[in-house]
Amino acid sequence: MHEVPLLINITLALIVAFLGGVLPRRIGLPTIVGYLLAGIVIGPFTPGFVGDIATIQQLAELGVIFLMFGVGLHFSFQDLWRVRDIAIPGALIQTALASLLGFGLSQLWGWSTLAGIVLGLAISVASTVVLLRGLMDNSLLNTTHGQAAVGWLVMEDIVSVLLLVLMPLLTSSNGVFDWQSLAATLLKRHPLWRLCSSPGRA
């Protein structure tokens, strides 16, 4: 009996996602727009059926995993190296400029410095999944421009991993930047530290 709600949510989510993917294409809109509208339709903020949010979030995470697998299948480090002159500086410059823009807006709104840093970092990274879906829909994934765009976002994903590691250390209990915790975290992630602290060493 406990499997029935799960099956219902999966079935309805797939049906609505299918309709959301087909109908926008018929009128010339990107598929991702239909997927977003489909999520709104079965979400808690619209009338009618409301899906199990926890279950659908798990399905969404699974879908993102498969999409990222798709990125890996279509892209290699050789591809990234081939477009390095565009992807690496472009991703770093965009991340820096977007972070500064978010930080500047937060200061105009009267936010604290640390809150502004977090906002800037949060909006500095674009969505690889959205771009990949758009490139695939328009058969541009394997083109030179498509490879450059994916390489750009792969670099941003690498930066995002670093930001996710560092973001919890941006604040301490007294609301100031904790440089000591930052240095300790980076040190513990160094291979030499892991080698020296492994249980097998005396």
N, C-alpha and C. Protein backbone atom coordinates (compact mmCIF):
# COMPACT_ATOMS: atom_id res chain seq x y z
N MET A 1 0.82 -1.21 0.00
CA MET A 1 0.00 0.00 0.00
C MET A 1 0.85 1.26 0.00
N HIS A 2 2.03 1.19 0.56
CA HIS A 2 2.87 2.38 0.62
C HIS A 2 3.45 2.74 -0.74
N GLU A 3 3.42 1.81 -1.70
CA GLU A 3 4.00 2.10 -3.00
C GLU A 3 3.03 2.83 -3.91
N VAL A 4 1.73 2.83 -3.59
CA VAL A 4 0.75 3.46 -4.47
C VAL A 4 0.98 4.96 -4.59
N PRO A 5 1.15 5.74 -3.50
CA PRO A 5 1.41 7.17 -3.67
C PRO A 5 2.67 7.44 -4.47
N LEU A 6 3.70 6.62 -4.30
CA LEU A 6 4.93 6.81 -5.06
C LEU A 6 4.67 6.61 -6.55
N LEU A 7 3.94 5.55 -6.91
CA LEU A 7 3.64 5.30 -8.31
C LEU A 7 2.76 6.39 -8.90
N ILE A 8 1.81 6.87 -8.10
CA ILE A 8 0.94 7.94 -8.59
C ILE A 8 1.75 9.20 -8.88
N ASN A 9 2.64 9.56 -7.96
CA ASN A 9 3.45 10.76 -8.16
C ASN A 9 4.37 10.61 -9.36
N ILE A 10 4.98 9.44 -9.52
CA ILE A 10 5.87 9.23 -10.66
C ILE A 10 5.08 9.31 -11.96
N THR A 11 3.92 8.65 -11.99
CA THR A 11 3.10 8.64 -13.22
C THR A 11 2.64 10.03 -13.59
N LEU A 12 2.10 10.76 -12.62
CA LEU A 12 1.61 12.11 -12.91
C LEU A 12 2.75 13.05 -13.28
N ALA A 13 3.89 12.91 -12.61
CA ALA A 13 5.03 13.75 -12.94
C ALA A 13 5.51 13.50 -14.36
N LEU A 14 5.56 12.24 -14.77
CA LEU A 14 5.98 11.92 -16.13
C LEU A 14 4.97 12.42 -17.17
N ILE A 15 3.67 12.28 -16.86
CA ILE A 15 2.64 12.74 -17.81
C ILE A 15 2.70 14.25 -17.97
N VAL A 16 2.76 14.96 -16.85
CA VAL A 16 2.80 16.42 -16.92
C VAL A 16 4.09 16.90 -17.57
N ALA A 17 5.22 16.23 -17.25
CA ALA A 17 6.49 16.61 -17.87
C ALA A 17 6.46 16.36 -19.38
N PHE A 18 5.82 15.25 -19.78
CA PHE A 18 5.72 14.96 -21.22
C PHE A 18 4.91 16.04 -21.93
N LEU A 19 3.75 16.38 -21.36
CA LEU A 19 2.94 17.44 -21.96
C LEU A 19 3.67 18.77 -21.94
N GLY A 20 4.37 19.03 -20.82
CA GLY A 20 5.12 20.27 -20.74
C GLY A 20 6.27 20.34 -21.71
N GLY A 21 6.77 19.18 -22.13
CA GLY A 21 7.84 19.18 -23.11
C GLY A 21 7.36 19.24 -24.54
N VAL A 22 6.19 18.67 -24.80
CA VAL A 22 5.67 18.61 -26.17
C VAL A 22 4.99 19.92 -26.58
N LEU A 23 4.13 20.43 -25.73
CA LEU A 23 3.34 21.60 -26.10
C LEU A 23 4.19 22.84 -26.39
N PRO A 24 5.19 23.17 -25.57
CA PRO A 24 6.01 24.34 -25.92
C PRO A 24 6.75 24.19 -27.25
N ARG A 25 7.19 22.96 -27.56
CA ARG A 25 7.88 22.76 -28.84
C ARG A 25 6.95 23.03 -30.01
N ARG A 26 5.65 22.74 -29.83
CA ARG A 26 4.70 22.98 -30.92
C ARG A 26 4.52 24.46 -31.21
N ILE A 27 4.74 25.29 -30.20
CA ILE A 27 4.57 26.73 -30.40
C ILE A 27 5.90 27.46 -30.46
N GLY A 28 6.98 26.70 -30.54
CA GLY A 28 8.29 27.31 -30.76
C GLY A 28 9.03 27.75 -29.53
N LEU A 29 8.63 27.28 -28.35
CA LEU A 29 9.32 27.64 -27.11
C LEU A 29 10.30 26.54 -26.73
N PRO A 30 11.34 26.88 -25.97
CA PRO A 30 12.28 25.85 -25.51
C PRO A 30 11.59 24.83 -24.60
N THR A 31 12.10 23.60 -24.62
CA THR A 31 11.51 22.54 -23.81
C THR A 31 11.60 22.84 -22.32
N ILE A 32 12.69 23.50 -21.92
CA ILE A 32 12.90 23.77 -20.50
C ILE A 32 11.79 24.65 -19.93
N VAL A 33 11.23 25.52 -20.78
CA VAL A 33 10.11 26.37 -20.33
C VAL A 33 8.91 25.51 -19.98
N GLY A 34 8.63 24.51 -20.81
CA GLY A 34 7.51 23.61 -20.54
C GLY A 34 7.73 22.80 -19.27
N TYR A 35 8.96 22.36 -19.04
CA TYR A 35 9.25 21.61 -17.83
C TYR A 35 9.03 22.47 -16.58
N LEU A 36 9.44 23.72 -16.65
CA LEU A 36 9.23 24.61 -15.51
C LEU A 36 7.74 24.83 -15.25
N LEU A 37 6.98 25.04 -16.33
CA LEU A 37 5.54 25.23 -16.17
C LEU A 37 4.86 23.96 -15.65
N ALA A 38 5.35 22.81 -16.09
CA ALA A 38 4.79 21.55 -15.60
C ALA A 38 5.01 21.41 -14.10
N GLY A 39 6.19 21.79 -13.63
CA GLY A 39 6.44 21.74 -12.19
C GLY A 39 5.54 22.69 -11.42
N ILE A 40 5.27 23.86 -12.01
CA ILE A 40 4.38 24.82 -11.35
C ILE A 40 2.96 24.27 -11.26
N VAL A 41 2.55 23.55 -12.31
CA VAL A 41 1.17 23.02 -12.36
C VAL A 41 0.91 22.06 -11.21
N ILE A 42 1.85 21.16 -10.92
CA ILE A 42 1.63 20.18 -9.85
C ILE A 42 2.29 20.61 -8.54
N GLY A 43 2.72 21.86 -8.49
CA GLY A 43 3.32 22.37 -7.27
C GLY A 43 2.27 22.82 -6.26
N PRO A 44 2.72 23.17 -5.06
CA PRO A 44 1.77 23.54 -4.00
C PRO A 44 1.21 24.95 -4.13
N PHE A 45 1.67 25.73 -5.11
CA PHE A 45 1.23 27.12 -5.22
C PHE A 45 0.20 27.33 -6.31
N THR A 46 -0.31 26.25 -6.89
CA THR A 46 -1.36 26.33 -7.89
C THR A 46 -2.50 25.41 -7.48
N PRO A 47 -3.74 25.71 -7.87
CA PRO A 47 -4.87 24.85 -7.49
C PRO A 47 -4.81 23.51 -8.21
N GLY A 48 -5.54 22.55 -7.68
CA GLY A 48 -5.59 21.22 -8.27
C GLY A 48 -4.67 20.25 -7.55
N PHE A 49 -4.26 19.23 -8.27
CA PHE A 49 -3.43 18.19 -7.67
C PHE A 49 -2.08 18.76 -7.26
N VAL A 50 -1.64 18.35 -6.09
CA VAL A 50 -0.33 18.74 -5.57
C VAL A 50 0.48 17.47 -5.36
N GLY A 51 1.62 17.37 -6.03
CA GLY A 51 2.46 16.20 -5.89
C GLY A 51 3.19 16.17 -4.56
N ASP A 52 3.65 15.00 -4.22
CA ASP A 52 4.45 14.83 -3.02
C ASP A 52 5.80 15.51 -3.25
N ILE A 53 6.03 16.63 -2.57
CA ILE A 53 7.20 17.44 -2.84
C ILE A 53 8.49 16.66 -2.58
N ALA A 54 8.52 15.92 -1.49
CA ALA A 54 9.73 15.17 -1.15
C ALA A 54 10.07 14.13 -2.22
N THR A 55 9.04 13.41 -2.68
CA THR A 55 9.26 12.39 -3.71
C THR A 55 9.71 13.02 -5.02
N ILE A 56 9.05 14.11 -5.42
CA ILE A 56 9.39 14.76 -6.69
C ILE A 56 10.78 15.38 -6.62
N GLN A 57 11.16 15.90 -5.46
CA GLN A 57 12.52 16.43 -5.32
C GLN A 57 13.56 15.34 -5.51
N GLN A 58 13.26 14.14 -4.99
CA GLN A 58 14.19 13.03 -5.20
C GLN A 58 14.26 12.65 -6.67
N LEU A 59 13.10 12.66 -7.35
CA LEU A 59 13.11 12.39 -8.78
C LEU A 59 13.89 13.47 -9.53
N ALA A 60 13.73 14.72 -9.10
CA ALA A 60 14.45 15.82 -9.75
C ALA A 60 15.96 15.66 -9.58
N GLU A 61 16.38 15.26 -8.40
CA GLU A 61 17.81 15.06 -8.18
C GLU A 61 18.34 13.93 -9.05
N LEU A 62 17.53 12.88 -9.21
CA LEU A 62 17.92 11.78 -10.08
C LEU A 62 18.03 12.25 -11.52
N GLY A 63 17.08 13.09 -11.94
CA GLY A 63 17.13 13.62 -13.29
C GLY A 63 18.36 14.49 -13.53
N VAL A 64 18.71 15.31 -12.54
CA VAL A 64 19.91 16.14 -12.66
C VAL A 64 21.16 15.27 -12.76
N ILE A 65 21.18 14.17 -11.99
CA ILE A 65 22.32 13.25 -12.06
C ILE A 65 22.47 12.70 -13.46
N PHE A 66 21.36 12.26 -14.06
CA PHE A 66 21.43 11.72 -15.42
C PHE A 66 21.85 12.79 -16.42
N LEU A 67 21.36 14.02 -16.23
CA LEU A 67 21.77 15.08 -17.14
C LEU A 67 23.26 15.37 -17.03
N MET A 68 23.79 15.34 -15.80
CA MET A 68 25.22 15.56 -15.63
C MET A 68 26.02 14.40 -16.20
N PHE A 69 25.47 13.18 -16.11
CA PHE A 69 26.10 12.06 -16.81
C PHE A 69 26.15 12.34 -18.30
N GLY A 70 25.08 12.95 -18.81
CA GLY A 70 25.06 13.31 -20.22
C GLY A 70 26.15 14.30 -20.57
N VAL A 71 26.40 15.25 -19.67
CA VAL A 71 27.49 16.20 -19.89
C VAL A 71 28.82 15.45 -19.98
N GLY A 72 29.01 14.51 -19.05
CA GLY A 72 30.25 13.74 -19.05
C GLY A 72 30.41 12.87 -20.28
N LEU A 73 29.30 12.34 -20.79
CA LEU A 73 29.36 11.50 -21.98
C LEU A 73 29.71 12.29 -23.23
N HIS A 74 29.30 13.55 -23.27
CA HIS A 74 29.52 14.37 -24.44
C HIS A 74 30.73 15.27 -24.33
N PHE A 75 31.40 15.25 -23.17
CA PHE A 75 32.49 16.20 -22.96
C PHE A 75 33.62 15.52 -22.23
N SER A 76 34.84 15.84 -22.60
CA SER A 76 36.02 15.26 -21.97
C SER A 76 37.00 16.38 -21.63
N PHE A 77 38.04 16.02 -20.88
CA PHE A 77 39.05 17.01 -20.53
C PHE A 77 39.80 17.49 -21.78
N GLN A 78 39.88 16.64 -22.79
CA GLN A 78 40.48 17.07 -24.05
C GLN A 78 39.64 18.17 -24.69
N ASP A 79 38.31 18.02 -24.60
CA ASP A 79 37.44 19.07 -25.13
C ASP A 79 37.62 20.37 -24.35
N LEU A 80 37.73 20.23 -23.03
CA LEU A 80 37.94 21.42 -22.19
C LEU A 80 39.27 22.08 -22.53
N TRP A 81 40.31 21.26 -22.73
CA TRP A 81 41.61 21.82 -23.06
C TRP A 81 41.60 22.48 -24.44
N ARG A 82 40.78 21.96 -25.33
CA ARG A 82 40.69 22.52 -26.68
C ARG A 82 40.07 23.92 -26.67
N VAL A 83 39.17 24.16 -25.74
CA VAL A 83 38.51 25.47 -25.66
C VAL A 83 38.98 26.25 -24.44
N ARG A 84 40.16 25.92 -23.95
CA ARG A 84 40.66 26.53 -22.71
C ARG A 84 40.83 28.04 -22.82
N ASP A 85 41.20 28.53 -24.01
CA ASP A 85 41.41 29.97 -24.16
C ASP A 85 40.13 30.76 -23.97
N ILE A 86 38.99 30.12 -24.20
CA ILE A 86 37.70 30.79 -24.01
C ILE A 86 37.07 30.40 -22.68
N ALA A 87 37.08 29.12 -22.37
CA ALA A 87 36.33 28.61 -21.22
C ALA A 87 36.94 29.05 -19.89
N ILE A 88 38.23 28.89 -19.74
CA ILE A 88 38.85 29.14 -18.43
C ILE A 88 38.79 30.62 -18.05
N PRO A 89 39.34 31.54 -18.87
CA PRO A 89 39.23 32.96 -18.47
C PRO A 89 37.79 33.45 -18.46
N GLY A 90 36.98 32.97 -19.41
CA GLY A 90 35.59 33.43 -19.45
C GLY A 90 34.82 33.05 -18.20
N ALA A 91 34.98 31.80 -17.76
CA ALA A 91 34.27 31.35 -16.56
C ALA A 91 34.74 32.11 -15.33
N LEU A 92 36.05 32.31 -15.21
CA LEU A 92 36.58 33.02 -14.04
C LEU A 92 36.15 34.48 -14.03
N ILE A 93 36.19 35.12 -15.19
CA ILE A 93 35.80 36.54 -15.26
C ILE A 93 34.31 36.69 -14.99
N GLN A 94 33.49 35.81 -15.58
CA GLN A 94 32.05 35.90 -15.34
C GLN A 94 31.72 35.68 -13.87
N THR A 95 32.35 34.69 -13.25
CA THR A 95 32.10 34.43 -11.84
C THR A 95 32.48 35.63 -10.99
N ALA A 96 33.62 36.23 -11.30
CA ALA A 96 34.08 37.39 -10.52
C ALA A 96 33.14 38.58 -10.71
N LEU A 97 32.76 38.87 -11.96
CA LEU A 97 31.89 40.03 -12.22
C LEU A 97 30.51 39.84 -11.62
N ALA A 98 29.94 38.63 -11.77
CA ALA A 98 28.62 38.37 -11.20
C ALA A 98 28.66 38.45 -9.67
N SER A 99 29.74 37.96 -9.08
CA SER A 99 29.86 38.04 -7.62
C SER A 99 29.94 39.49 -7.16
N LEU A 100 30.71 40.30 -7.88
CA LEU A 100 30.81 41.72 -7.53
C LEU A 100 29.47 42.43 -7.72
N LEU A 101 28.75 42.08 -8.78
CA LEU A 101 27.44 42.69 -9.02
C LEU A 101 26.47 42.34 -7.91
N GLY A 102 26.42 41.04 -7.54
CA GLY A 102 25.54 40.64 -6.45
C GLY A 102 25.92 41.29 -5.14
N PHE A 103 27.22 41.40 -4.89
CA PHE A 103 27.68 42.05 -3.66
C PHE A 103 27.30 43.53 -3.65
N GLY A 104 27.48 44.20 -4.81
CA GLY A 104 27.12 45.62 -4.88
C GLY A 104 25.63 45.86 -4.65
N LEU A 105 24.79 45.01 -5.24
CA LEU A 105 23.35 45.15 -5.03
C LEU A 105 22.98 44.93 -3.57
N SER A 106 23.63 43.96 -2.95
CA SER A 106 23.32 43.68 -1.54
C SER A 106 23.68 44.86 -0.65
N GLN A 107 24.74 45.58 -1.01
CA GLN A 107 25.11 46.74 -0.21
C GLN A 107 24.11 47.88 -0.40
N LEU A 108 23.56 48.00 -1.61
CA LEU A 108 22.52 49.00 -1.83
C LEU A 108 21.26 48.66 -1.04
N TRP A 109 21.00 47.37 -0.85
CA TRP A 109 19.84 46.94 -0.10
C TRP A 109 20.06 46.98 1.41
N GLY A 110 21.27 47.29 1.83
CA GLY A 110 21.56 47.37 3.25
C GLY A 110 21.91 46.05 3.90
N TRP A 111 22.28 45.05 3.11
CA TRP A 111 22.66 43.76 3.68
C TRP A 111 24.05 43.86 4.30
N SER A 112 24.38 42.87 5.10
CA SER A 112 25.70 42.81 5.69
C SER A 112 26.72 42.38 4.63
N THR A 113 28.00 42.57 4.95
CA THR A 113 29.05 42.22 4.00
C THR A 113 29.06 40.72 3.70
N LEU A 114 28.95 39.90 4.73
CA LEU A 114 28.98 38.46 4.53
C LEU A 114 27.76 37.98 3.74
N ALA A 115 26.59 38.56 4.02
CA ALA A 115 25.40 38.20 3.26
C ALA A 115 25.57 38.58 1.79
N GLY A 116 26.21 39.72 1.53
CA GLY A 116 26.46 40.14 0.16
C GLY A 116 27.41 39.20 -0.57
N ILE A 117 28.43 38.71 0.14
CA ILE A 117 29.36 37.75 -0.47
C ILE A 117 28.64 36.47 -0.85
N VAL A 118 27.79 35.98 0.06
CA VAL A 118 27.05 34.75 -0.21
C VAL A 118 26.11 34.94 -1.41
N LEU A 119 25.42 36.09 -1.46
CA LEU A 119 24.53 36.36 -2.60
C LEU A 119 25.31 36.43 -3.91
N GLY A 120 26.44 37.12 -3.89
CA GLY A 120 27.24 37.23 -5.10
C GLY A 120 27.72 35.89 -5.60
N LEU A 121 28.19 35.04 -4.69
CA LEU A 121 28.65 33.72 -5.09
C LEU A 121 27.50 32.86 -5.59
N ALA A 122 26.31 33.03 -4.99
CA ALA A 122 25.17 32.20 -5.37
C ALA A 122 24.69 32.50 -6.80
N ILE A 123 24.79 33.75 -7.23
CA ILE A 123 24.29 34.11 -8.56
C ILE A 123 25.39 34.12 -9.61
N SER A 124 26.60 33.77 -9.21
CA SER A 124 27.73 33.87 -10.15
C SER A 124 27.85 32.68 -11.08
N VAL A 125 27.14 31.59 -10.79
CA VAL A 125 27.30 30.36 -11.55
C VAL A 125 26.03 30.08 -12.35
N ALA A 126 26.18 29.84 -13.63
CA ALA A 126 25.04 29.52 -14.48
C ALA A 126 24.69 28.04 -14.38
N SER A 127 23.56 27.68 -14.96
CA SER A 127 23.08 26.31 -14.88
C SER A 127 23.56 25.50 -16.07
N THR A 128 24.41 24.52 -15.81
CA THR A 128 24.88 23.63 -16.87
C THR A 128 23.74 22.80 -17.44
N VAL A 129 22.84 22.37 -16.56
CA VAL A 129 21.73 21.52 -16.98
C VAL A 129 20.82 22.25 -17.96
N VAL A 130 20.49 23.50 -17.67
CA VAL A 130 19.61 24.27 -18.55
C VAL A 130 20.26 24.49 -19.91
N LEU A 131 21.53 24.88 -19.91
CA LEU A 131 22.22 25.10 -21.18
C LEU A 131 22.34 23.81 -21.98
N LEU A 132 22.68 22.72 -21.29
CA LEU A 132 22.82 21.44 -21.99
C LEU A 132 21.51 21.03 -22.64
N ARG A 133 20.40 21.23 -21.93
CA ARG A 133 19.10 20.89 -22.49
C ARG A 133 18.81 21.73 -23.72
N GLY A 134 19.14 23.01 -23.65
CA GLY A 134 18.91 23.88 -24.80
C GLY A 134 19.77 23.53 -25.98
N LEU A 135 21.04 23.19 -25.73
CA LEU A 135 21.93 22.80 -26.83
C LEU A 135 21.48 21.50 -27.48
N MET A 136 21.03 20.55 -26.66
CA MET A 136 20.57 19.28 -27.21
C MET A 136 19.30 19.47 -28.03
N ASP A 137 18.39 20.32 -27.56
CA ASP A 137 17.14 20.54 -28.29
C ASP A 137 17.39 21.17 -29.65
N ASN A 138 18.44 21.98 -29.75
CA ASN A 138 18.72 22.68 -31.00
C ASN A 138 19.87 22.05 -31.79
N SER A 139 20.29 20.83 -31.39
CA SER A 139 21.35 20.09 -32.09
C SER A 139 22.64 20.90 -32.20
N LEU A 140 22.98 21.59 -31.13
CA LEU A 140 24.18 22.42 -31.11
C LEU A 140 25.25 21.91 -30.16
N LEU A 141 24.98 20.76 -29.54
CA LEU A 141 25.89 20.29 -28.50
C LEU A 141 27.26 19.95 -29.05
N ASN A 142 27.33 19.37 -30.23
CA ASN A 142 28.60 18.92 -30.80
C ASN A 142 29.23 19.94 -31.73
N THR A 143 28.71 21.13 -31.79
CA THR A 143 29.31 22.18 -32.59
C THR A 143 30.45 22.84 -31.81
N THR A 144 31.25 23.63 -32.51
CA THR A 144 32.37 24.32 -31.86
C THR A 144 31.87 25.27 -30.77
N HIS A 145 30.83 26.03 -31.10
CA HIS A 145 30.28 26.97 -30.12
C HIS A 145 29.66 26.22 -28.95
N GLY A 146 28.99 25.10 -29.23
CA GLY A 146 28.40 24.32 -28.16
C GLY A 146 29.45 23.76 -27.22
N GLN A 147 30.55 23.25 -27.78
CA GLN A 147 31.63 22.72 -26.96
C GLN A 147 32.26 23.82 -26.11
N ALA A 148 32.41 25.00 -26.68
CA ALA A 148 32.97 26.12 -25.92
C ALA A 148 32.04 26.50 -24.77
N ALA A 149 30.74 26.52 -25.05
CA ALA A 149 29.78 26.88 -24.00
C ALA A 149 29.76 25.84 -22.88
N VAL A 150 29.79 24.56 -23.24
CA VAL A 150 29.81 23.52 -22.22
C VAL A 150 31.11 23.56 -21.43
N GLY A 151 32.24 23.79 -22.13
CA GLY A 151 33.51 23.91 -21.42
C GLY A 151 33.51 25.06 -20.45
N TRP A 152 32.91 26.17 -20.85
CA TRP A 152 32.77 27.34 -19.97
C TRP A 152 32.03 26.94 -18.70
N LEU A 153 30.91 26.24 -18.86
CA LEU A 153 30.10 25.89 -17.69
C LEU A 153 30.73 24.77 -16.87
N VAL A 154 31.50 23.89 -17.51
CA VAL A 154 32.22 22.89 -16.73
C VAL A 154 33.22 23.57 -15.80
N MET A 155 33.89 24.60 -16.31
CA MET A 155 34.79 25.37 -15.45
C MET A 155 34.04 26.02 -14.31
N GLU A 156 32.83 26.54 -14.59
CA GLU A 156 32.03 27.13 -13.53
C GLU A 156 31.60 26.07 -12.51
N ASP A 157 31.33 24.86 -12.98
CA ASP A 157 30.98 23.78 -12.05
C ASP A 157 32.16 23.46 -11.12
N ILE A 158 33.37 23.48 -11.68
CA ILE A 158 34.55 23.24 -10.85
C ILE A 158 34.69 24.33 -9.80
N VAL A 159 34.45 25.58 -10.22
CA VAL A 159 34.48 26.68 -9.26
C VAL A 159 33.38 26.53 -8.22
N SER A 160 32.21 26.03 -8.65
CA SER A 160 31.08 25.85 -7.73
C SER A 160 31.42 24.84 -6.64
N VAL A 161 32.13 23.77 -7.01
CA VAL A 161 32.52 22.79 -6.00
C VAL A 161 33.40 23.44 -4.93
N LEU A 162 34.34 24.27 -5.40
CA LEU A 162 35.20 24.97 -4.44
C LEU A 162 34.39 25.91 -3.57
N LEU A 163 33.42 26.62 -4.17
CA LEU A 163 32.59 27.54 -3.40
C LEU A 163 31.73 26.81 -2.37
N LEU A 164 31.21 25.64 -2.75
CA LEU A 164 30.40 24.86 -1.81
C LEU A 164 31.23 24.40 -0.62
N VAL A 165 32.52 24.14 -0.86
CA VAL A 165 33.40 23.75 0.25
C VAL A 165 33.67 24.94 1.16
N LEU A 166 33.86 26.12 0.55
CA LEU A 166 34.27 27.28 1.33
C LEU A 166 33.10 28.05 1.94
N MET A 167 31.91 27.95 1.34
CA MET A 167 30.79 28.79 1.79
C MET A 167 30.42 28.59 3.26
N PRO A 168 30.40 27.34 3.78
CA PRO A 168 30.07 27.20 5.21
C PRO A 168 31.08 27.87 6.13
N LEU A 169 32.26 28.18 5.60
CA LEU A 169 33.29 28.80 6.43
C LEU A 169 33.28 30.32 6.35
N LEU A 170 32.35 30.87 5.56
CA LEU A 170 32.31 32.32 5.43
C LEU A 170 31.92 33.01 6.72
N THR A 171 31.17 32.33 7.55
CA THR A 171 30.72 32.93 8.80
C THR A 171 31.06 32.02 9.96
N SER A 172 31.29 32.63 11.07
CA SER A 172 31.47 31.90 12.32
C SER A 172 30.36 32.31 13.27
N SER A 173 30.45 31.88 14.49
CA SER A 173 29.38 32.16 15.45
C SER A 173 29.23 33.64 15.74
N ASN A 174 30.29 34.42 15.62
CA ASN A 174 30.19 35.85 15.90
C ASN A 174 30.00 36.70 14.64
N GLY A 175 29.79 36.04 13.48
CA GLY A 175 29.44 36.76 12.27
C GLY A 175 30.60 37.39 11.54
N VAL A 176 31.83 36.96 11.77
CA VAL A 176 32.99 37.47 11.07
C VAL A 176 33.62 36.35 10.27
N PHE A 177 34.44 36.75 9.31
CA PHE A 177 35.10 35.76 8.47
C PHE A 177 36.14 35.01 9.29
N ASP A 178 36.04 33.68 9.27
CA ASP A 178 36.92 32.83 10.07
C ASP A 178 38.06 32.33 9.18
N TRP A 179 39.14 33.07 9.13
CA TRP A 179 40.29 32.70 8.31
C TRP A 179 40.95 31.43 8.80
N GLN A 180 40.98 31.22 10.12
CA GLN A 180 41.62 30.03 10.66
C GLN A 180 40.89 28.76 10.23
N SER A 181 39.55 28.79 10.26
CA SER A 181 38.79 27.62 9.82
C SER A 181 38.98 27.39 8.33
N LEU A 182 39.07 28.47 7.57
CA LEU A 182 39.29 28.34 6.13
C LEU A 182 40.64 27.68 5.86
N ALA A 183 41.69 28.15 6.52
CA ALA A 183 43.02 27.57 6.32
C ALA A 183 43.05 26.11 6.76
N ALA A 184 42.38 25.79 7.87
CA ALA A 184 42.37 24.41 8.35
C ALA A 184 41.64 23.50 7.39
N THR A 185 40.53 23.98 6.81
CA THR A 185 39.77 23.16 5.86
C THR A 185 40.58 22.89 4.60
N LEU A 186 41.24 23.91 4.05
CA LEU A 186 42.05 23.72 2.86
C LEU A 186 43.23 22.79 3.14
N LEU A 187 43.81 22.90 4.33
CA LEU A 187 44.94 22.05 4.68
C LEU A 187 44.50 20.59 4.78
N LYS A 188 43.34 20.36 5.38
CA LYS A 188 42.88 18.98 5.56
C LYS A 188 42.53 18.33 4.23
N ARG A 189 42.25 19.12 3.19
CA ARG A 189 41.94 18.55 1.89
C ARG A 189 43.17 18.36 1.02
N HIS A 190 44.35 18.71 1.55
CA HIS A 190 45.57 18.52 0.80
C HIS A 190 45.99 17.05 0.89
N PRO A 191 46.47 16.45 -0.21
CA PRO A 191 46.85 15.03 -0.18
C PRO A 191 47.91 14.70 0.86
N LEU A 192 48.87 15.60 1.08
CA LEU A 192 49.91 15.32 2.07
C LEU A 192 49.33 15.23 3.47
N TRP A 193 48.33 16.07 3.77
CA TRP A 193 47.69 16.01 5.08
C TRP A 193 46.98 14.67 5.26
N ARG A 194 46.27 14.23 4.22
CA ARG A 194 45.56 12.95 4.32
C ARG A 194 46.54 11.79 4.47
N LEU A 195 47.69 11.90 3.80
CA LEU A 195 48.68 10.83 3.91
C LEU A 195 49.27 10.77 5.31
N CYS A 196 49.56 11.95 5.87
CA CYS A 196 50.17 11.98 7.21
C CYS A 196 49.18 11.60 8.30
N SER A 197 47.88 11.90 8.07
CA SER A 197 46.89 11.62 9.11
C SER A 197 46.20 10.27 8.92
N SER A 198 46.64 9.45 7.95
CA SER A 198 46.00 8.17 7.73
C SER A 198 46.30 7.24 8.89
N PRO A 199 45.35 6.32 9.25
CA PRO A 199 45.52 5.45 10.41
C PRO A 199 46.71 4.53 10.30
N GLY A 200 47.17 4.22 9.08
CA GLY A 200 48.26 3.28 8.92
C GLY A 200 49.62 3.84 9.27
N ARG A 201 49.73 5.19 9.41
CA ARG A 201 51.01 5.79 9.74
C ARG A 201 51.21 5.86 11.22
N ALA A 202 52.44 5.71 11.65
CA ALA A 202 52.76 5.73 13.07
C ALA A 202 52.69 7.13 13.61
